[in-house]
């Protein structure tokens, strides 16, 4: 079972996907400025997700901090693009374990008024790596 700070990873991904994708995303397009160039990704996610997602915010900040800076900036730019597009671009996140960080991105483009979509497949260390392999 893949854990992320005591929580299973799939429900965490489900909350993130509900916030930025699906039929009724909970993050409003008006939040695109939180992901402007130069804004750090972790704090921007916390501001946008709000107190309703307090536990998720802490988990995301911890995992984002593990990512290489270039990955953080790439994700920030995708979030900015998705939320500032008209109509907004819906996002879908997935994760799988890997030794190094990898990111695969693909976009399905639809003509307005339909929504386009971007899938972001992240691969990286187990979120709980520090405790997963600790000597017992």
Protein backbone atom coordinates (compact mmCIF):
# COMPACT_ATOMS: atom_id res chain seq x y z
CA UNK A 1 0.00 0.00 0.00
CA UNK A 2 1.48 3.35 -1.05
CA UNK A 3 1.20 5.87 1.77
CA UNK A 4 1.68 9.61 1.77
CA UNK A 5 2.25 10.92 5.31
CA UNK A 6 -0.10 8.26 6.70
CA UNK A 7 -2.69 8.52 3.90
CA UNK A 8 -3.09 6.27 0.88
CA UNK A 9 -1.89 8.01 -2.28
CA UNK A 10 -4.95 7.28 -4.44
CA UNK A 11 -7.44 9.25 -2.32
CA UNK A 12 -4.96 12.15 -2.26
CA UNK A 13 -4.80 12.06 -6.08
CA UNK A 14 -8.60 11.84 -6.19
CA UNK A 15 -8.90 15.08 -4.18
CA UNK A 16 -6.39 16.81 -6.45
CA UNK A 17 -8.20 15.62 -9.57
CA UNK A 18 -11.56 16.81 -8.18
CA UNK A 19 -10.02 20.23 -7.52
CA UNK A 20 -8.65 20.75 -11.04
CA UNK A 21 -10.61 18.40 -13.31
CA UNK A 22 -13.77 16.38 -13.70
CA UNK A 23 -17.28 17.62 -14.29
CA UNK A 24 -17.30 20.29 -11.54
CA UNK A 25 -13.75 21.31 -10.56
CA UNK A 26 -13.64 22.94 -7.14
CA UNK A 27 -10.78 25.36 -7.98
CA UNK A 28 -12.17 28.37 -9.80
CA UNK A 29 -10.50 29.73 -12.98
CA UNK A 30 -10.22 33.12 -11.23
CA UNK A 31 -7.37 31.58 -9.21
CA UNK A 32 -5.02 31.51 -12.19
CA UNK A 33 -2.96 34.45 -10.85
CA UNK A 34 -1.82 32.29 -7.90
CA UNK A 35 0.23 30.36 -10.48
CA UNK A 36 1.78 33.42 -12.19
CA UNK A 37 5.46 33.26 -13.18
CA UNK A 38 7.70 33.49 -10.13
CA UNK A 39 5.08 32.17 -7.68
CA UNK A 40 6.27 29.07 -5.76
CA UNK A 41 4.07 26.05 -6.49
CA UNK A 42 3.57 24.68 -2.95
CA UNK A 43 2.22 27.89 -1.37
CA UNK A 44 0.13 28.62 -4.51
CA UNK A 45 -1.59 25.24 -4.19
CA UNK A 46 -2.32 25.92 -0.51
CA UNK A 47 -3.87 29.33 -1.31
CA UNK A 48 -6.04 27.95 -4.10
CA UNK A 49 -7.21 24.77 -2.36
CA UNK A 50 -8.04 26.68 0.83
CA UNK A 51 -8.80 25.46 4.33
CA UNK A 52 -11.31 22.88 3.06
CA UNK A 53 -8.31 20.85 1.94
CA UNK A 54 -6.06 21.49 4.93
CA UNK A 55 -4.70 17.94 5.17
CA UNK A 56 -4.19 17.71 1.42
CA UNK A 57 -2.36 21.06 1.47
CA UNK A 58 0.24 19.81 3.92
CA UNK A 59 0.78 16.61 1.96
CA UNK A 60 1.13 18.44 -1.35
CA UNK A 61 3.58 20.99 0.04
CA UNK A 62 5.75 18.18 1.41
CA UNK A 63 5.75 16.27 -1.88
CA UNK A 64 6.23 19.36 -4.05
CA UNK A 65 9.26 20.27 -1.91
CA UNK A 66 10.80 16.88 -2.84
CA UNK A 67 10.49 17.61 -6.57
CA UNK A 68 13.29 19.18 -8.60
CA UNK A 69 12.72 22.91 -9.08
CA UNK A 70 12.26 22.51 -12.85
CA UNK A 71 9.37 20.11 -12.26
CA UNK A 72 7.76 22.55 -9.84
CA UNK A 73 8.03 25.34 -12.39
CA UNK A 74 6.63 23.14 -15.17
CA UNK A 75 3.62 22.21 -13.04
CA UNK A 76 3.08 25.83 -12.02
CA UNK A 77 3.04 26.87 -15.68
CA UNK A 78 0.56 24.11 -16.60
CA UNK A 79 -1.78 25.16 -13.77
CA UNK A 80 -1.56 28.80 -14.90
CA UNK A 81 -2.30 27.83 -18.50
CA UNK A 82 -5.17 25.51 -17.57
CA UNK A 83 -6.94 28.00 -15.30
CA UNK A 84 -6.40 31.04 -17.55
CA UNK A 85 -7.65 29.33 -20.73
CA UNK A 86 -11.17 29.99 -21.97
CA UNK A 87 -12.82 27.64 -21.44
CA UNK A 88 -10.59 26.30 -18.69
CA UNK A 89 -8.49 23.23 -19.41
CA UNK A 90 -9.34 20.30 -17.14
CA UNK A 91 -6.46 18.49 -15.45
CA UNK A 92 -5.93 14.88 -14.46
CA UNK A 93 -3.01 13.84 -12.24
CA UNK A 94 -1.52 10.38 -11.84
CA UNK A 95 1.53 9.08 -10.00
CA UNK A 96 3.71 5.98 -10.11
CA UNK A 97 6.87 5.08 -8.19
CA UNK A 98 10.28 5.62 -9.70
CA UNK A 99 13.88 6.19 -8.70
CA UNK A 100 14.17 9.61 -10.33
CA UNK A 101 11.45 12.16 -11.00
CA UNK A 102 9.80 11.98 -14.41
CA UNK A 103 6.81 13.77 -15.89
CA UNK A 104 4.77 12.87 -18.94
CA UNK A 105 2.23 15.41 -20.16
CA UNK A 106 -0.32 15.07 -22.88
CA UNK A 107 -3.09 17.39 -23.98
CA UNK A 108 -6.36 16.61 -25.68
CA UNK A 109 -7.54 19.75 -27.47
CA UNK A 110 -11.23 20.43 -28.08
CA UNK A 111 -12.82 23.42 -29.79
CA UNK A 112 -14.67 25.87 -27.53
CA UNK A 113 -17.13 25.68 -25.88
CA UNK A 114 -15.87 22.17 -25.02
CA UNK A 115 -13.13 21.74 -22.42
CA UNK A 116 -9.70 20.54 -23.42
CA UNK A 117 -7.81 18.32 -20.99
CA UNK A 118 -4.26 17.73 -19.85
CA UNK A 119 -3.06 14.58 -18.12
CA UNK A 120 0.05 14.88 -15.99
CA UNK A 121 1.68 11.57 -15.13
CA UNK A 122 4.25 12.04 -12.38
CA UNK A 123 6.79 9.41 -11.50
CA UNK A 124 9.02 9.77 -8.49
CA UNK A 125 10.10 8.60 -5.11
CA UNK A 126 7.59 7.16 -2.70
CA UNK A 127 6.10 10.08 -0.79
CA UNK A 128 6.92 8.36 2.50
CA UNK A 129 10.38 7.24 1.36
CA UNK A 130 12.03 8.60 4.50
CA UNK A 131 10.12 6.14 6.67
CA UNK A 132 9.35 3.39 4.16
CA UNK A 133 12.91 2.06 4.05
CA UNK A 134 14.12 3.16 7.48
CA UNK A 135 15.89 0.45 9.45
CA UNK A 136 13.63 -1.18 12.02
